[in-house]
Each structure stands twice: as C-alpha cells, then as structure tokens.
Amino acid sequence: MPDSERSILSCVTGPKPAEQTVEDNQLAVREGGWCRLRFTGALVGLSCVALLVAAWHLQSEGLPFGAETQLSLPVCALRERTGYPCPTCGMTKAWEQAVRGNLVEAFRANMAGAVLAVGCGLVALGGLGTAVGGRSFYSRIVRPVVGVLRPRQWLYAGLGLIVLAWWWNALLAFVKEHESLF
C-alpha cells in the first residue's frame, strides 16, 4: 500500500487473515510497526496535552499562596520556615504562565518549570504530528538534537537547570527581603 493511501483507519482495516499471502504478511508486519508508531505518538501527544490543559485551568490570581492551592498541594515548608524557596517553588505558576504565552512571567516564577512547559508543548506537537502524519518526529528531529549529548549528560544538564533556577529564585527572594541593602 503506498504511503499516500495510509490512514489511521488502515491500522484497523485490511485484508482478512485467510486472504493474506506471504507478501501481505510482510506488509502487515511493517504496518504493525507503523500502527505502533502512530499509537505511541498519540499517547505521548495526548498525555502532554492533558498536562498543558490542566495548567491552563490553574488560576493563581486572588489565591493566598498561588495556583498550587487549587491542586491541594501544601505550602512549601522550606519557604514557610526560612523565607527562601525550594527547587520546585514557582513551578506551578511557571506552567500556568507558560501555557498562556507569558514566558517572561514563567521564567520569573521558575525557569526550569518554564523550560519544562515549553518542552511539553513541543513534545505534544511532535506526538500528535506523528499520530496524524505517520512519520516519526523522534527519528527526524529529536534524535539528531538529543544525540548531541549522552543520557548522563542530559541528566546533569537537567539537574543543573534545576539548581540554576533554585539559585535564581533564592537570589530574588534575598533581594526582595533585603531591599534596603541595595
């Protein structure tokens, strides 16, 4: 079956098993991989869309502590005791602002959260594009970019981003607390 005739429904429909020849069986094996690719793309894309929709429905305006109270999350114990944020402080607000397109506010709330939200949006687009188009977003775009670093280096980069965001938020909290010094 040529690529132009493939659709999402061709994963379900096709010749009955009794009517298949050896060539049809080889095609069915390839089609099965193609169907898995589309299914995986849809699953990943819809999971990311669900996270983004949940972030869209958060409203931190008028709440005593922020959007995390809508999610029944407790107030940050570290910030409550010391006045300084933990590494995840501002993550919820960053997602809330990033999905609304306020990237400056998102980075101000927590730069690691803003990067994660933007990355989630890109993964959602790639996953849904793979599901609809049938071509792997991962092998065409992600693998060449991700292949630049080894997995351990990506881990260190992610941890470094979280530490940098924590340091930045702590610095902003210190400056706000001691405005008279500056």
Protein backbone atom coordinates (compact mmCIF):
# COMPACT_ATOMS: atom_id res chain seq x y z
CA MET A 1 0.00 0.00 0.00
CA PRO A 2 1.61 3.33 -0.96
CA ASP A 3 2.24 5.94 1.73
CA SER A 4 -0.39 8.26 0.29
CA GLU A 5 -3.13 5.64 0.85
CA ARG A 6 -2.29 5.08 4.52
CA SER A 7 -4.57 6.50 7.15
CA ILE A 8 -5.26 5.94 10.79
CA LEU A 9 -8.05 3.55 9.82
CA SER A 10 -5.71 1.38 7.75
CA CYS A 11 -4.27 0.12 11.04
CA VAL A 12 -7.63 -1.44 11.82
CA THR A 13 -8.86 -2.42 8.39
CA GLY A 14 -7.14 -4.50 5.75
CA PRO A 15 -7.33 -7.93 4.21
CA LYS A 16 -8.65 -10.74 6.37
CA PRO A 17 -6.00 -13.19 7.65
CA ALA A 18 -7.29 -16.06 5.47
CA GLU A 19 -6.89 -13.93 2.34
CA GLN A 20 -3.31 -12.81 3.08
CA THR A 21 -0.33 -14.01 1.07
CA VAL A 22 3.32 -14.07 2.17
CA GLU A 23 3.79 -10.58 0.74
CA ASP A 24 0.70 -9.40 2.61
CA ASN A 25 2.10 -10.84 5.85
CA GLN A 26 5.38 -8.94 5.38
CA LEU A 27 3.36 -5.80 4.71
CA ALA A 28 1.25 -6.48 7.81
CA VAL A 29 4.41 -6.69 9.94
CA ARG A 30 5.55 -3.34 8.60
CA GLU A 31 2.06 -1.94 9.06
CA GLY A 32 2.03 -3.15 12.67
CA GLY A 33 5.16 -1.13 13.40
CA TRP A 34 3.60 1.80 11.62
CA CYS A 35 0.46 1.47 13.74
CA ARG A 36 2.51 1.27 16.94
CA LEU A 37 4.32 4.44 15.90
CA ARG A 38 1.04 6.29 15.42
CA PHE A 39 -0.41 4.91 18.66
CA THR A 40 2.68 5.86 20.64
CA GLY A 41 2.69 9.33 19.09
CA ALA A 42 -0.98 9.80 20.00
CA LEU A 43 -0.42 8.53 23.55
CA VAL A 44 2.58 10.80 24.17
CA GLY A 45 0.95 13.79 22.47
CA LEU A 46 -2.34 13.46 24.34
CA SER A 47 -0.53 12.98 27.67
CA CYS A 48 1.34 16.23 27.16
CA VAL A 49 -1.85 17.98 26.02
CA ALA A 50 -3.54 16.80 29.24
CA LEU A 51 -0.76 18.38 31.31
CA LEU A 52 -0.99 21.62 29.35
CA VAL A 53 -4.79 21.75 29.67
CA ALA A 54 -4.51 21.19 33.42
CA ALA A 55 -2.01 24.04 33.62
CA TRP A 56 -4.35 26.23 31.55
CA HIS A 57 -7.13 25.77 34.10
CA LEU A 58 -4.98 26.96 37.00
CA GLN A 59 -5.65 30.49 38.24
CA SER A 60 -3.26 31.92 40.80
CA GLU A 61 -4.87 35.36 40.93
CA GLY A 62 -6.59 36.05 44.22
CA LEU A 63 -5.33 32.91 45.94
CA PRO A 64 -3.38 33.29 49.19
CA PHE A 65 -0.36 31.22 48.17
CA GLY A 66 -0.70 30.55 44.44
CA ALA A 67 -2.05 28.04 41.97
CA GLU A 68 -0.76 25.06 43.95
CA THR A 69 -3.66 25.51 46.39
CA GLN A 70 -6.02 24.55 43.54
CA LEU A 71 -4.17 21.25 43.27
CA SER A 72 -4.42 20.67 47.05
CA LEU A 73 -0.65 20.89 47.36
CA PRO A 74 0.70 22.06 50.71
CA VAL A 75 2.51 25.36 51.07
CA CYS A 76 6.27 24.99 50.66
CA ALA A 77 7.67 24.09 54.08
CA LEU A 78 11.15 25.39 53.26
CA ARG A 79 9.81 28.78 52.17
CA GLU A 80 7.49 28.92 55.18
CA ARG A 81 10.34 28.24 57.64
CA THR A 82 13.27 30.05 56.03
CA GLY A 83 11.75 32.55 53.64
CA TYR A 84 13.74 31.04 50.76
CA PRO A 85 12.27 28.87 48.01
CA CYS A 86 12.87 25.19 47.38
CA PRO A 87 13.92 23.96 43.89
CA THR A 88 10.30 23.45 42.83
CA CYS A 89 8.87 26.71 44.19
CA GLY A 90 7.16 28.56 41.39
CA MET A 91 6.93 25.51 39.13
CA THR A 92 3.12 25.55 39.08
CA LYS A 93 2.98 29.27 38.33
CA ALA A 94 5.61 28.83 35.62
CA TRP A 95 3.44 26.21 33.86
CA GLU A 96 0.35 28.38 34.33
CA GLN A 97 2.05 31.40 32.76
CA ALA A 98 3.84 29.45 30.00
CA VAL A 99 0.63 27.94 28.62
CA ARG A 100 -0.82 31.44 28.44
CA GLY A 101 2.20 32.66 26.48
CA ASN A 102 3.62 34.82 29.28
CA LEU A 103 7.12 33.38 29.01
CA VAL A 104 8.78 36.27 30.87
CA GLU A 105 6.49 35.70 33.86
CA ALA A 106 7.01 31.95 33.56
CA PHE A 107 10.80 32.34 33.66
CA ARG A 108 10.47 34.76 36.55
CA ALA A 109 8.41 32.20 38.51
CA ASN A 110 10.76 29.25 37.85
CA MET A 111 12.97 28.94 34.78
CA ALA A 112 13.13 25.12 34.99
CA GLY A 113 9.33 24.98 35.04
CA ALA A 114 9.13 27.31 32.03
CA VAL A 115 11.58 25.14 30.07
CA LEU A 116 9.62 22.01 31.01
CA ALA A 117 6.31 23.59 29.95
CA VAL A 118 7.69 24.74 26.59
CA GLY A 119 9.30 21.32 26.09
CA CYS A 120 6.00 19.63 26.92
CA GLY A 121 4.28 21.76 24.30
CA LEU A 122 6.85 20.79 21.67
CA VAL A 123 6.54 17.11 22.58
CA ALA A 124 2.75 17.39 22.31
CA LEU A 125 3.06 18.84 18.82
CA GLY A 126 5.55 16.16 17.80
CA GLY A 127 3.49 13.32 19.23
CA LEU A 128 0.28 14.46 17.62
CA GLY A 129 2.12 15.13 14.36
CA THR A 130 3.44 11.57 14.44
CA ALA A 131 -0.05 10.23 15.15
CA VAL A 132 -1.63 12.12 12.28
CA GLY A 133 1.18 12.08 9.73
CA GLY A 134 2.64 8.65 10.44
CA ARG A 135 6.22 9.90 10.29
CA SER A 136 8.41 9.71 13.32
CA PHE A 137 9.04 13.12 14.85
CA TYR A 138 11.58 11.43 17.12
CA SER A 139 13.83 10.00 14.41
CA ARG A 140 13.69 13.10 12.21
CA ILE A 141 14.07 15.90 14.74
CA VAL A 142 14.60 14.70 18.30
CA ARG A 143 17.29 12.06 17.77
CA PRO A 144 19.69 14.43 15.94
CA VAL A 145 19.26 17.05 18.66
CA VAL A 146 19.25 14.70 21.65
CA GLY A 147 22.11 12.63 20.21
CA VAL A 148 24.48 15.53 20.79
CA LEU A 149 24.70 14.60 24.48
CA ARG A 150 24.78 11.25 26.23
CA PRO A 151 21.95 10.36 28.66
CA ARG A 152 24.09 11.09 31.70
CA GLN A 153 24.99 14.49 30.27
CA TRP A 154 21.27 15.25 29.77
CA LEU A 155 20.69 14.29 33.40
CA TYR A 156 23.43 16.65 34.52
CA ALA A 157 22.06 19.41 32.28
CA GLY A 158 18.56 18.96 33.75
CA LEU A 159 19.86 18.93 37.31
CA GLY A 160 22.00 21.97 36.51
CA LEU A 161 18.93 23.80 35.22
CA ILE A 162 17.01 22.99 38.39
CA VAL A 163 19.90 24.16 40.58
CA LEU A 164 20.28 27.32 38.49
CA ALA A 165 16.53 28.01 38.82
CA TRP A 166 16.73 27.40 42.57
CA TRP A 167 19.71 29.72 42.91
CA TRP A 168 17.97 32.41 40.87
CA ASN A 169 14.73 32.18 42.88
CA ALA A 170 16.69 32.26 46.15
CA LEU A 171 18.62 35.31 44.94
CA LEU A 172 15.38 37.10 44.03
CA ALA A 173 13.91 36.22 47.46
CA PHE A 174 17.05 37.53 49.18
CA VAL A 175 16.96 40.80 47.23
CA LYS A 176 13.24 41.25 47.94
CA GLU A 177 13.78 40.57 51.66
CA HIS A 178 16.78 42.91 51.94
CA GLU A 179 15.83 45.75 49.58
CA SER A 180 17.34 48.27 51.96
CA LEU A 181 20.84 46.87 51.29
CA PHE A 182 20.61 47.61 47.59
